[in-house]
Amino acid sequence: MGRYVIRRLLQMIPVFIGSTFLIFIMVYALGDPVAALFGDKAPDPATAARIRKDLYLDRPLWEQYVHYMGQIFKGDFGTAFNGQKVTELMATAFPVTLRLTLVAIFFEIVIGITLGVVSGLRRGKAIDTTLLVLTLVVISVPTFVTGYVIQFVLGVKWGWVRPTVSANATLDELILPGIVLALVSLAYVTRLSRTSIAENVKADYVRTAVAKGLPRRRIITRHLLRNSLIPVVTFIGTDIGALMGGAIITERIFNIHGVGYQLYQGILRNNSPTVVGFVTILVIVFLVANLLVDLLYAVLDPRIRYA
């Protein structure tokens, strides 16, 4: 196991460098941060040249990237155009989005897997067909439509919850946004769980467990569910980073100042240091989540061993 972890960590290095380099190139090569800093006003050439030199923008892109990575390893992600450190923006944004993601993942795991098990065990029955239709509808409807409808009905019309989230973004306030954020992923988890359960319920080991007279609950939880969760865990692991980076729509709907909000503002204002810094952290989140998923395979399936 130790060798495997070390090998995977070493493999993550070129992936991290390649991903961040592409992001850096796309952000800095496709726009002019200095022009964006001045907005509609044309900057004085001498002033623009001085700013480019101060920000290391007068060098070739590969030198800019090397300088940027060197600053990152020192804990410096640069300064936003409003003069605030990007690390300060991260310190306020990432905890909020992390709480929102945890709420979404909770609903995704608990509700999605439960519905998938129920649907898979009753394949072809009315409840199975109903869940398949409902999940297809959820996947088909865009998140911004679902979010605004749920916000209006539950928050504005019925008054069950607050339609917006306060600056503190406590867990109870994030329940509704978490549900909106998790809906599409929840539908995919339900369908994945249903398919995996329906395939494994006819496996030899299940028939053997039934022949031994094991209780139905133990067969489902200890044998059937455990062997059926591998594709679901793979999806959830990759979905963690997607939820954190893809929460732009949800955070805009509920006025949540998290990662999605900061990315939206950074893209809107062509604030390159903010965009590159936040996406760099999201790349790390993706890599770590994938590593944890691979290690979890051995827990779910004893046949998997890492050397």
C-alpha atoms as a PDB file:
ATOM      1  CA  MET A   1       0.000   0.000   0.000  1.00  0.00           C
ATOM      2  CA  GLY A   2       2.801   2.418   0.908  1.00  0.00           C
ATOM      3  CA  ARG A   3       4.572   1.877  -2.410  1.00  0.00           C
ATOM      4  CA  TYR A   4       1.333   2.389  -4.296  1.00  0.00           C
ATOM      5  CA  VAL A   5       0.628   5.674  -2.519  1.00  0.00           C
ATOM      6  CA  ILE A   6       4.143   6.943  -3.219  1.00  0.00           C
ATOM      7  CA  ARG A   7       3.860   5.903  -6.865  1.00  0.00           C
ATOM      8  CA  ARG A   8       0.510   7.664  -7.213  1.00  0.00           C
ATOM      9  CA  LEU A   9       1.866  10.810  -5.571  1.00  0.00           C
ATOM     10  CA  LEU A  10       4.745  10.848  -8.044  1.00  0.00           C
ATOM     11  CA  GLN A  11       2.291  10.389 -10.921  1.00  0.00           C
ATOM     12  CA  MET A  12       0.297  13.364  -9.663  1.00  0.00           C
ATOM     13  CA  ILE A  13       3.272  15.722 -10.116  1.00  0.00           C
ATOM     14  CA  PRO A  14       3.310  15.785 -13.963  1.00  0.00           C
ATOM     15  CA  VAL A  15      -0.504  15.866 -14.015  1.00  0.00           C
ATOM     16  CA  PHE A  16      -0.489  18.878 -11.696  1.00  0.00           C
ATOM     17  CA  ILE A  17       2.206  20.662 -13.698  1.00  0.00           C
ATOM     18  CA  GLY A  18       0.502  19.957 -17.026  1.00  0.00           C
ATOM     19  CA  SER A  19      -2.945  21.022 -15.806  1.00  0.00           C
ATOM     20  CA  THR A  20      -1.790  24.235 -14.161  1.00  0.00           C
ATOM     21  CA  PHE A  21       0.389  25.113 -17.161  1.00  0.00           C
ATOM     22  CA  LEU A  22      -2.563  24.773 -19.552  1.00  0.00           C
ATOM     23  CA  ILE A  23      -4.747  26.854 -17.239  1.00  0.00           C
ATOM     24  CA  PHE A  24      -2.037  29.506 -16.925  1.00  0.00           C
ATOM     25  CA  ILE A  25      -1.561  29.660 -20.703  1.00  0.00           C
ATOM     26  CA  MET A  26      -5.298  29.903 -21.407  1.00  0.00           C
ATOM     27  CA  VAL A  27      -5.872  32.658 -18.853  1.00  0.00           C
ATOM     28  CA  TYR A  28      -2.822  34.825 -19.538  1.00  0.00           C
ATOM     29  CA  ALA A  29      -2.459  34.255 -23.288  1.00  0.00           C
ATOM     30  CA  LEU A  30      -6.101  34.926 -24.164  1.00  0.00           C
ATOM     31  CA  GLY A  31      -6.424  38.198 -22.273  1.00  0.00           C
ATOM     32  CA  ASP A  32      -4.499  41.261 -21.171  1.00  0.00           C
ATOM     33  CA  PRO A  33      -4.598  41.592 -17.363  1.00  0.00           C
ATOM     34  CA  VAL A  34      -3.211  45.131 -17.498  1.00  0.00           C
ATOM     35  CA  ALA A  35      -5.912  46.311 -19.898  1.00  0.00           C
ATOM     36  CA  ALA A  36      -8.540  44.668 -17.698  1.00  0.00           C
ATOM     37  CA  LEU A  37      -7.093  46.472 -14.682  1.00  0.00           C
ATOM     38  CA  PHE A  38      -7.810  49.868 -16.266  1.00  0.00           C
ATOM     39  CA  GLY A  39     -11.224  48.903 -17.674  1.00  0.00           C
ATOM     40  CA  ASP A  40     -12.504  51.135 -20.469  1.00  0.00           C
ATOM     41  CA  LYS A  41      -9.734  53.708 -19.969  1.00  0.00           C
ATOM     42  CA  ALA A  42      -6.602  53.268 -22.063  1.00  0.00           C
ATOM     43  CA  PRO A  43      -3.562  53.114 -19.755  1.00  0.00           C
ATOM     44  CA  ASP A  44      -0.541  55.332 -20.246  1.00  0.00           C
ATOM     45  CA  PRO A  45       2.119  53.258 -22.100  1.00  0.00           C
ATOM     46  CA  ALA A  46       4.782  53.991 -19.502  1.00  0.00           C
ATOM     47  CA  THR A  47       2.444  53.096 -16.648  1.00  0.00           C
ATOM     48  CA  ALA A  48       1.322  49.913 -18.418  1.00  0.00           C
ATOM     49  CA  ALA A  49       4.951  48.907 -19.032  1.00  0.00           C
ATOM     50  CA  ARG A  50       5.832  49.459 -15.370  1.00  0.00           C
ATOM     51  CA  ILE A  51       2.842  47.388 -14.185  1.00  0.00           C
ATOM     52  CA  ARG A  52       3.734  44.577 -16.589  1.00  0.00           C
ATOM     53  CA  LYS A  53       7.273  44.558 -15.229  1.00  0.00           C
ATOM     54  CA  ASP A  54       6.068  44.551 -11.616  1.00  0.00           C
ATOM     55  CA  LEU A  55       3.665  41.676 -12.346  1.00  0.00           C
ATOM     56  CA  TYR A  56       6.303  39.749 -14.328  1.00  0.00           C
ATOM     57  CA  LEU A  57       4.121  40.033 -17.460  1.00  0.00           C
ATOM     58  CA  ASP A  58       6.929  41.339 -19.657  1.00  0.00           C
ATOM     59  CA  ARG A  59       8.534  37.881 -19.733  1.00  0.00           C
ATOM     60  CA  PRO A  60       7.693  34.894 -21.971  1.00  0.00           C
ATOM     61  CA  LEU A  61       4.759  32.801 -20.795  1.00  0.00           C
ATOM     62  CA  TRP A  62       6.905  29.865 -19.693  1.00  0.00           C
ATOM     63  CA  GLU A  63       9.023  32.155 -17.516  1.00  0.00           C
ATOM     64  CA  GLN A  64       5.855  33.672 -16.066  1.00  0.00           C
ATOM     65  CA  TYR A  65       4.625  30.170 -15.239  1.00  0.00           C
ATOM     66  CA  VAL A  66       7.894  29.146 -13.587  1.00  0.00           C
ATOM     67  CA  HIS A  67       7.843  32.345 -11.523  1.00  0.00           C
ATOM     68  CA  TYR A  68       4.191  31.765 -10.604  1.00  0.00           C
ATOM     69  CA  MET A  69       4.837  28.177  -9.468  1.00  0.00           C
ATOM     70  CA  GLY A  70       7.803  29.331  -7.429  1.00  0.00           C
ATOM     71  CA  GLN A  71       5.575  31.867  -5.667  1.00  0.00           C
ATOM     72  CA  ILE A  72       2.900  29.188  -5.050  1.00  0.00           C
ATOM     73  CA  PHE A  73       5.364  26.933  -3.240  1.00  0.00           C
ATOM     74  CA  LYS A  74       6.112  29.915  -1.003  1.00  0.00           C
ATOM     75  CA  GLY A  75       2.391  30.242  -0.259  1.00  0.00           C
ATOM     76  CA  ASP A  76       1.904  33.336  -2.436  1.00  0.00           C
ATOM     77  CA  PHE A  77      -0.891  33.033  -5.029  1.00  0.00           C
ATOM     78  CA  GLY A  78      -0.579  36.624  -6.131  1.00  0.00           C
ATOM     79  CA  THR A  79      -2.690  39.713  -5.583  1.00  0.00           C
ATOM     80  CA  ALA A  80      -6.116  40.437  -7.055  1.00  0.00           C
ATOM     81  CA  PHE A  81      -6.658  43.671  -8.956  1.00  0.00           C
ATOM     82  CA  ASN A  82      -8.462  45.183  -5.967  1.00  0.00           C
ATOM     83  CA  GLY A  83      -5.254  44.881  -3.955  1.00  0.00           C
ATOM     84  CA  GLN A  84      -6.428  41.932  -1.844  1.00  0.00           C
ATOM     85  CA  LYS A  85      -4.285  38.827  -1.573  1.00  0.00           C
ATOM     86  CA  VAL A  86      -5.684  35.815  -3.417  1.00  0.00           C
ATOM     87  CA  THR A  87      -4.966  33.693  -0.338  1.00  0.00           C
ATOM     88  CA  GLU A  88      -7.273  35.979   1.670  1.00  0.00           C
ATOM     89  CA  LEU A  89     -10.046  35.430  -0.886  1.00  0.00           C
ATOM     90  CA  MET A  90      -9.427  31.685  -0.656  1.00  0.00           C
ATOM     91  CA  ALA A  91      -9.608  31.785   3.147  1.00  0.00           C
ATOM     92  CA  THR A  92     -13.128  33.228   2.976  1.00  0.00           C
ATOM     93  CA  ALA A  93     -14.422  31.394  -0.113  1.00  0.00           C
ATOM     94  CA  PHE A  94     -13.222  27.800   0.240  1.00  0.00           C
ATOM     95  CA  PRO A  95     -14.714  27.107   3.708  1.00  0.00           C
ATOM     96  CA  VAL A  96     -18.136  28.230   2.449  1.00  0.00           C
ATOM     97  CA  THR A  97     -17.985  26.099  -0.704  1.00  0.00           C
ATOM     98  CA  LEU A  98     -16.562  23.174   1.259  1.00  0.00           C
ATOM     99  CA  ARG A  99     -19.575  23.241   3.603  1.00  0.00           C
ATOM    100  CA  LEU A 100     -21.901  23.511   0.610  1.00  0.00           C
ATOM    101  CA  THR A 101     -20.146  20.574  -1.083  1.00  0.00           C
ATOM    102  CA  LEU A 102     -20.337  18.423   2.064  1.00  0.00           C
ATOM    103  CA  VAL A 103     -24.094  19.046   2.278  1.00  0.00           C
ATOM    104  CA  ALA A 104     -24.493  18.167  -1.407  1.00  0.00           C
ATOM    105  CA  ILE A 105     -22.342  15.020  -1.084  1.00  0.00           C
ATOM    106  CA  PHE A 106     -24.372  13.933   1.966  1.00  0.00           C
ATOM    107  CA  PHE A 107     -27.642  14.104   0.042  1.00  0.00           C
ATOM    108  CA  GLU A 108     -25.994  12.555  -3.000  1.00  0.00           C
ATOM    109  CA  ILE A 109     -24.747   9.541  -1.029  1.00  0.00           C
ATOM    110  CA  VAL A 110     -27.659   8.942   1.349  1.00  0.00           C
ATOM    111  CA  ILE A 111     -30.591   9.629  -0.982  1.00  0.00           C
ATOM    112  CA  GLY A 112     -28.936   8.564  -4.236  1.00  0.00           C
ATOM    113  CA  ILE A 113     -27.669   5.186  -3.030  1.00  0.00           C
ATOM    114  CA  THR A 114     -30.889   4.460  -1.107  1.00  0.00           C
ATOM    115  CA  LEU A 115     -33.052   5.143  -4.152  1.00  0.00           C
ATOM    116  CA  GLY A 116     -30.655   3.152  -6.330  1.00  0.00           C
ATOM    117  CA  VAL A 117     -30.852   0.114  -4.049  1.00  0.00           C
ATOM    118  CA  VAL A 118     -34.651   0.279  -3.909  1.00  0.00           C
ATOM    119  CA  SER A 119     -34.866   0.639  -7.685  1.00  0.00           C
ATOM    120  CA  GLY A 120     -32.317  -2.101  -8.378  1.00  0.00           C
ATOM    121  CA  LEU A 121     -34.002  -4.625  -6.082  1.00  0.00           C
ATOM    122  CA  ARG A 122     -37.361  -3.942  -7.728  1.00  0.00           C
ATOM    123  CA  ARG A 123     -36.182  -3.822 -11.318  1.00  0.00           C
ATOM    124  CA  GLY A 124     -39.076  -3.636 -13.773  1.00  0.00           C
ATOM    125  CA  LYS A 125     -41.607  -2.740 -11.085  1.00  0.00           C
ATOM    126  CA  ALA A 126     -43.602   0.494 -10.895  1.00  0.00           C
ATOM    127  CA  ILE A 127     -41.247   2.133  -8.387  1.00  0.00           C
ATOM    128  CA  ASP A 128     -38.260   1.348 -10.612  1.00  0.00           C
ATOM    129  CA  THR A 129     -39.920   2.916 -13.645  1.00  0.00           C
ATOM    130  CA  THR A 130     -40.996   5.961 -11.630  1.00  0.00           C
ATOM    131  CA  LEU A 131     -37.481   6.570 -10.309  1.00  0.00           C
ATOM    132  CA  LEU A 132     -35.964   6.191 -13.769  1.00  0.00           C
ATOM    133  CA  VAL A 133     -38.381   8.776 -15.170  1.00  0.00           C
ATOM    134  CA  LEU A 134     -37.813  11.194 -12.273  1.00  0.00           C
ATOM    135  CA  THR A 135     -34.018  10.963 -12.504  1.00  0.00           C
ATOM    136  CA  LEU A 136     -34.183  11.499 -16.257  1.00  0.00           C
ATOM    137  CA  VAL A 137     -36.255  14.651 -15.715  1.00  0.00           C
ATOM    138  CA  VAL A 138     -33.790  15.944 -13.107  1.00  0.00           C
ATOM    139  CA  ILE A 139     -30.840  15.340 -15.455  1.00  0.00           C
ATOM    140  CA  SER A 140     -32.635  17.007 -18.364  1.00  0.00           C
ATOM    141  CA  VAL A 141     -33.630  20.223 -16.562  1.00  0.00           C
ATOM    142  CA  PRO A 142     -30.792  22.802 -16.256  1.00  0.00           C
ATOM    143  CA  THR A 143     -29.606  23.591 -12.746  1.00  0.00           C
ATOM    144  CA  PHE A 144     -30.439  27.300 -13.006  1.00  0.00           C
ATOM    145  CA  VAL A 145     -34.069  26.429 -13.793  1.00  0.00           C
ATOM    146  CA  THR A 146     -34.339  23.922 -10.940  1.00  0.00           C
ATOM    147  CA  GLY A 147     -32.609  26.290  -8.543  1.00  0.00           C
ATOM    148  CA  TYR A 148     -34.821  29.286  -9.250  1.00  0.00           C
ATOM    149  CA  VAL A 149     -38.001  27.172  -9.115  1.00  0.00           C
ATOM    150  CA  ILE A 150     -37.071  25.572  -5.779  1.00  0.00           C
ATOM    151  CA  GLN A 151     -35.946  28.930  -4.379  1.00  0.00           C
ATOM    152  CA  PHE A 152     -39.221  30.603  -5.393  1.00  0.00           C
ATOM    153  CA  VAL A 153     -41.537  27.812  -4.222  1.00  0.00           C
ATOM    154  CA  LEU A 154     -39.864  26.828  -0.944  1.00  0.00           C
ATOM    155  CA  GLY A 155     -38.237  30.143  -0.052  1.00  0.00           C
ATOM    156  CA  VAL A 156     -40.458  32.904  -1.408  1.00  0.00           C
ATOM    157  CA  LYS A 157     -43.946  31.479  -1.826  1.00  0.00           C
ATOM    158  CA  TRP A 158     -44.148  28.967   1.039  1.00  0.00           C
ATOM    159  CA  GLY A 159     -41.502  30.559   3.288  1.00  0.00           C
ATOM    160  CA  TRP A 160     -40.150  27.228   4.552  1.00  0.00           C
ATOM    161  CA  VAL A 161     -36.522  28.315   4.169  1.00  0.00           C
ATOM    162  CA  ARG A 162     -34.561  31.494   3.559  1.00  0.00           C
ATOM    163  CA  PRO A 163     -34.385  32.263  -0.184  1.00  0.00           C
ATOM    164  CA  THR A 164     -30.825  33.572   0.208  1.00  0.00           C
ATOM    165  CA  VAL A 165     -27.853  32.701   2.388  1.00  0.00           C
ATOM    166  CA  SER A 166     -26.283  35.063   4.919  1.00  0.00           C
ATOM    167  CA  ALA A 167     -22.602  35.981   4.935  1.00  0.00           C
ATOM    168  CA  ASN A 168     -21.907  33.334   7.603  1.00  0.00           C
ATOM    169  CA  ALA A 169     -23.367  30.555   5.381  1.00  0.00           C
ATOM    170  CA  THR A 170     -24.184  28.178   8.246  1.00  0.00           C
ATOM    171  CA  LEU A 171     -24.979  24.526   7.566  1.00  0.00           C
ATOM    172  CA  ASP A 172     -28.726  24.936   8.115  1.00  0.00           C
ATOM    173  CA  GLU A 173     -28.802  27.763   5.563  1.00  0.00           C
ATOM    174  CA  LEU A 174     -26.930  25.605   3.047  1.00  0.00           C
ATOM    175  CA  ILE A 175     -29.438  22.727   3.062  1.00  0.00           C
ATOM    176  CA  LEU A 176     -31.551  24.112   0.216  1.00  0.00           C
ATOM    177  CA  PRO A 177     -28.572  25.202  -1.937  1.00  0.00           C
ATOM    178  CA  GLY A 178     -26.955  21.841  -1.195  1.00  0.00           C
ATOM    179  CA  ILE A 179     -30.009  20.005  -2.502  1.00  0.00           C
ATOM    180  CA  VAL A 180     -30.027  22.133  -5.668  1.00  0.00           C
ATOM    181  CA  LEU A 181     -26.301  21.549  -6.188  1.00  0.00           C
ATOM    182  CA  ALA A 182     -26.637  17.794  -5.600  1.00  0.00           C
ATOM    183  CA  LEU A 183     -29.756  17.133  -7.704  1.00  0.00           C
ATOM    184  CA  VAL A 184     -28.090  16.187 -11.002  1.00  0.00           C
ATOM    185  CA  SER A 185     -25.332  14.175  -9.315  1.00  0.00           C
ATOM    186  CA  LEU A 186     -27.933  12.523  -7.076  1.00  0.00           C
ATOM    187  CA  ALA A 187     -29.822  11.397 -10.172  1.00  0.00           C
ATOM    188  CA  TYR A 188     -26.649   9.911 -11.676  1.00  0.00           C
ATOM    189  CA  VAL A 189     -25.787   8.133  -8.407  1.00  0.00           C
ATOM    190  CA  THR A 190     -29.308   6.691  -8.286  1.00  0.00           C
ATOM    191  CA  ARG A 191     -29.047   5.337 -11.820  1.00  0.00           C
ATOM    192  CA  LEU A 192     -25.511   4.001 -11.292  1.00  0.00           C
ATOM    193  CA  SER A 193     -26.491   2.290  -8.039  1.00  0.00           C
ATOM    194  CA  ARG A 194     -29.630   0.858  -9.631  1.00  0.00           C
ATOM    195  CA  THR A 195     -27.702  -0.607 -12.581  1.00  0.00           C
ATOM    196  CA  SER A 196     -24.948  -2.058 -10.391  1.00  0.00           C
ATOM    197  CA  ILE A 197     -27.400  -3.564  -7.895  1.00  0.00           C
ATOM    198  CA  ALA A 198     -29.535  -5.064 -10.673  1.00  0.00           C
ATOM    199  CA  GLU A 199     -26.451  -6.728 -12.191  1.00  0.00           C
ATOM    200  CA  ASN A 200     -25.009  -8.079  -8.946  1.00  0.00           C
ATOM    201  CA  VAL A 201     -28.292  -9.328  -7.473  1.00  0.00           C
ATOM    202  CA  LYS A 202     -28.093 -12.292  -9.865  1.00  0.00           C
ATOM    203  CA  ALA A 203     -24.455 -13.078  -9.093  1.00  0.00           C
ATOM    204  CA  ASP A 204     -23.372 -16.451  -7.716  1.00  0.00           C
ATOM    205  CA  TYR A 205     -22.205 -15.049  -4.378  1.00  0.00           C
ATOM    206  CA  VAL A 206     -25.670 -13.601  -3.733  1.00  0.00           C
ATOM    207  CA  ARG A 207     -27.358 -16.918  -4.505  1.00  0.00           C
ATOM    208  CA  THR A 208     -24.860 -18.656  -2.215  1.00  0.00           C
ATOM    209  CA  ALA A 209     -25.607 -16.205   0.608  1.00  0.00           C
ATOM    210  CA  VAL A 210     -29.348 -16.794   0.139  1.00  0.00           C
ATOM    211  CA  ALA A 211     -28.828 -20.570   0.145  1.00  0.00           C
ATOM    212  CA  LYS A 212     -26.918 -20.300   3.433  1.00  0.00           C
ATOM    213  CA  GLY A 213     -29.981 -18.662   4.970  1.00  0.00           C
ATOM    214  CA  LEU A 214     -28.342 -15.319   5.737  1.00  0.00           C
ATOM    215  CA  PRO A 215     -30.741 -12.497   6.670  1.00  0.00           C
ATOM    216  CA  ARG A 216     -31.834 -10.348   3.725  1.00  0.00           C
ATOM    217  CA  ARG A 217     -30.522  -7.162   5.323  1.00  0.00           C
ATOM    218  CA  ARG A 218     -27.070  -8.695   5.773  1.00  0.00           C
ATOM    219  CA  ILE A 219     -27.015  -9.970   2.191  1.00  0.00           C
ATOM    220  CA  ILE A 220     -27.813  -6.502   0.893  1.00  0.00           C
ATOM    221  CA  THR A 221     -25.488  -4.487   3.147  1.00  0.00           C
ATOM    222  CA  ARG A 222     -22.500  -6.840   3.580  1.00  0.00           C
ATOM    223  CA  HIS A 223     -22.410  -8.499   0.172  1.00  0.00           C
ATOM    224  CA  LEU A 224     -24.569  -6.938  -2.526  1.00  0.00           C
ATOM    225  CA  LEU A 225     -24.148  -3.252  -1.677  1.00  0.00           C
ATOM    226  CA  ARG A 226     -20.444  -3.498  -0.920  1.00  0.00           C
ATOM    227  CA  ASN A 227     -19.646  -5.069  -4.290  1.00  0.00           C
ATOM    228  CA  SER A 228     -21.947  -2.695  -6.141  1.00  0.00           C
ATOM    229  CA  LEU A 229     -20.497   0.547  -4.781  1.00  0.00           C
ATOM    230  CA  ILE A 230     -17.233   0.659  -6.760  1.00  0.00           C
ATOM    231  CA  PRO A 231     -18.613   2.518  -9.820  1.00  0.00           C
ATOM    232  CA  VAL A 232     -20.646   4.756  -7.509  1.00  0.00           C
ATOM    233  CA  VAL A 233     -17.594   5.627  -5.399  1.00  0.00           C
ATOM    234  CA  THR A 234     -15.650   6.405  -8.582  1.00  0.00           C
ATOM    235  CA  PHE A 235     -18.322   8.860  -9.671  1.00  0.00           C
ATOM    236  CA  ILE A 236     -18.653  10.498  -6.252  1.00  0.00           C
ATOM    237  CA  GLY A 237     -14.878  10.892  -5.941  1.00  0.00           C
ATOM    238  CA  THR A 238     -14.577  12.755  -9.224  1.00  0.00           C
ATOM    239  CA  ASP A 239     -17.763  14.677  -8.440  1.00  0.00           C
ATOM    240  CA  ILE A 240     -16.293  16.329  -5.332  1.00  0.00           C
ATOM    241  CA  GLY A 241     -14.047  18.596  -7.367  1.00  0.00           C
ATOM    242  CA  ALA A 242     -16.781  19.133  -9.955  1.00  0.00           C
ATOM    243  CA  LEU A 243     -19.211  20.271  -7.261  1.00  0.00           C
ATOM    244  CA  MET A 244     -16.712  22.718  -5.765  1.00  0.00           C
ATOM    245  CA  GLY A 245     -15.767  24.176  -9.130  1.00  0.00           C
ATOM    246  CA  GLY A 246     -19.216  23.926 -10.679  1.00  0.00           C
ATOM    247  CA  ALA A 247     -21.119  25.671  -7.899  1.00  0.00           C
ATOM    248  CA  ILE A 248     -21.086  28.969  -9.815  1.00  0.00           C
ATOM    249  CA  ILE A 249     -24.775  28.775 -10.774  1.00  0.00           C
ATOM    250  CA  THR A 250     -25.963  27.620  -7.356  1.00  0.00           C
ATOM    251  CA  GLU A 251     -23.916  30.240  -5.523  1.00  0.00           C
ATOM    252  CA  ARG A 252     -25.215  32.960  -7.829  1.00  0.00           C
ATOM    253  CA  ILE A 253     -28.837  31.911  -7.245  1.00  0.00           C
ATOM    254  CA  PHE A 254     -28.546  31.892  -3.449  1.00  0.00           C
ATOM    255  CA  ASN A 255     -26.021  34.757  -3.177  1.00  0.00           C
ATOM    256  CA  ILE A 256     -23.301  32.586  -1.659  1.00  0.00           C
ATOM    257  CA  HIS A 257     -19.825  34.130  -1.694  1.00  0.00           C
ATOM    258  CA  GLY A 258     -17.845  30.956  -2.239  1.00  0.00           C
ATOM    259  CA  VAL A 259     -15.456  29.585  -4.835  1.00  0.00           C
ATOM    260  CA  GLY A 260     -18.015  29.778  -7.630  1.00  0.00           C
ATOM    261  CA  TYR A 261     -18.744  33.436  -6.844  1.00  0.00           C
ATOM    262  CA  GLN A 262     -15.048  34.363  -6.806  1.00  0.00           C
ATOM    263  CA  LEU A 263     -14.408  32.507 -10.065  1.00  0.00           C
ATOM    264  CA  TYR A 264     -17.373  34.242 -11.688  1.00  0.00           C
ATOM    265  CA  GLN A 265     -16.141  37.655 -10.557  1.00  0.00           C
ATOM    266  CA  GLY A 266     -12.595  36.828 -11.649  1.00  0.00           C
ATOM    267  CA  ILE A 267     -13.687  35.731 -15.128  1.00  0.00           C
ATOM    268  CA  LEU A 268     -16.071  38.668 -15.484  1.00  0.00           C
ATOM    269  CA  ARG A 269     -13.355  41.194 -14.621  1.00  0.00           C
ATOM    270  CA  ASN A 270     -10.518  39.252 -16.280  1.00  0.00           C
ATOM    271  CA  ASN A 271      -8.847  39.036 -12.876  1.00  0.00           C
ATOM    272  CA  SER A 272      -6.195  36.515 -13.898  1.00  0.00           C
ATOM    273  CA  PRO A 273      -4.457  35.941 -10.507  1.00  0.00           C
ATOM    274  CA  THR A 274      -7.788  35.071  -8.873  1.00  0.00           C
ATOM    275  CA  VAL A 275      -8.874  32.677 -11.620  1.00  0.00           C
ATOM    276  CA  VAL A 276      -5.537  30.856 -11.866  1.00  0.00           C
ATOM    277  CA  GLY A 277      -5.121  30.625  -8.089  1.00  0.00           C
ATOM    278  CA  PHE A 278      -8.570  29.200  -7.424  1.00  0.00           C
ATOM    279  CA  VAL A 279      -8.409  26.736 -10.317  1.00  0.00           C
ATOM    280  CA  THR A 280      -4.976  25.572  -9.127  1.00  0.00           C
ATOM    281  CA  ILE A 281      -6.473  24.609  -5.767  1.00  0.00           C
ATOM    282  CA  LEU A 282      -9.348  22.837  -7.544  1.00  0.00           C
ATOM    283  CA  VAL A 283      -6.812  20.783  -9.523  1.00  0.00           C
ATOM    284  CA  ILE A 284      -5.278  19.659  -6.224  1.00  0.00           C
ATOM    285  CA  VAL A 285      -8.754  18.767  -4.912  1.00  0.00           C
ATOM    286  CA  PHE A 286      -9.406  16.611  -8.003  1.00  0.00           C
ATOM    287  CA  LEU A 287      -6.064  14.801  -7.644  1.00  0.00           C
ATOM    288  CA  VAL A 288      -6.468  14.106  -3.927  1.00  0.00           C
ATOM    289  CA  ALA A 289     -10.074  12.928  -4.390  1.00  0.00           C
ATOM    290  CA  ASN A 290      -9.016  10.487  -7.120  1.00  0.00           C
ATOM    291  CA  LEU A 291      -6.252   9.120  -4.884  1.00  0.00           C
ATOM    292  CA  LEU A 292      -8.669   8.591  -1.983  1.00  0.00           C
ATOM    293  CA  VAL A 293     -11.128   6.838  -4.304  1.00  0.00           C
ATOM    294  CA  ASP A 294      -8.438   4.427  -5.489  1.00  0.00           C
ATOM    295  CA  LEU A 295      -7.515   3.618  -1.889  1.00  0.00           C
ATOM    296  CA  LEU A 296     -11.171   3.098  -1.014  1.00  0.00           C
ATOM    297  CA  TYR A 297     -11.447   0.379  -3.656  1.00  0.00           C
ATOM    298  CA  ALA A 298      -9.396  -1.945  -1.450  1.00  0.00           C
ATOM    299  CA  VAL A 299     -11.787  -1.350   1.449  1.00  0.00           C
ATOM    300  CA  LEU A 300     -14.871  -2.141  -0.625  1.00  0.00           C
ATOM    301  CA  ASP A 301     -13.410  -5.124  -2.485  1.00  0.00           C
ATOM    302  CA  PRO A 302     -10.989  -7.361  -0.506  1.00  0.00           C
ATOM    303  CA  ARG A 303      -9.783  -8.878  -3.779  1.00  0.00           C
ATOM    304  CA  ILE A 304      -8.075  -5.611  -4.689  1.00  0.00           C
ATOM    305  CA  ARG A 305      -4.553  -5.370  -3.337  1.00  0.00           C
ATOM    306  CA  TYR A 306      -2.031  -2.610  -3.989  1.00  0.00           C
ATOM    307  CA  ALA A 307       1.636  -3.475  -4.166  1.00  0.00           C
END
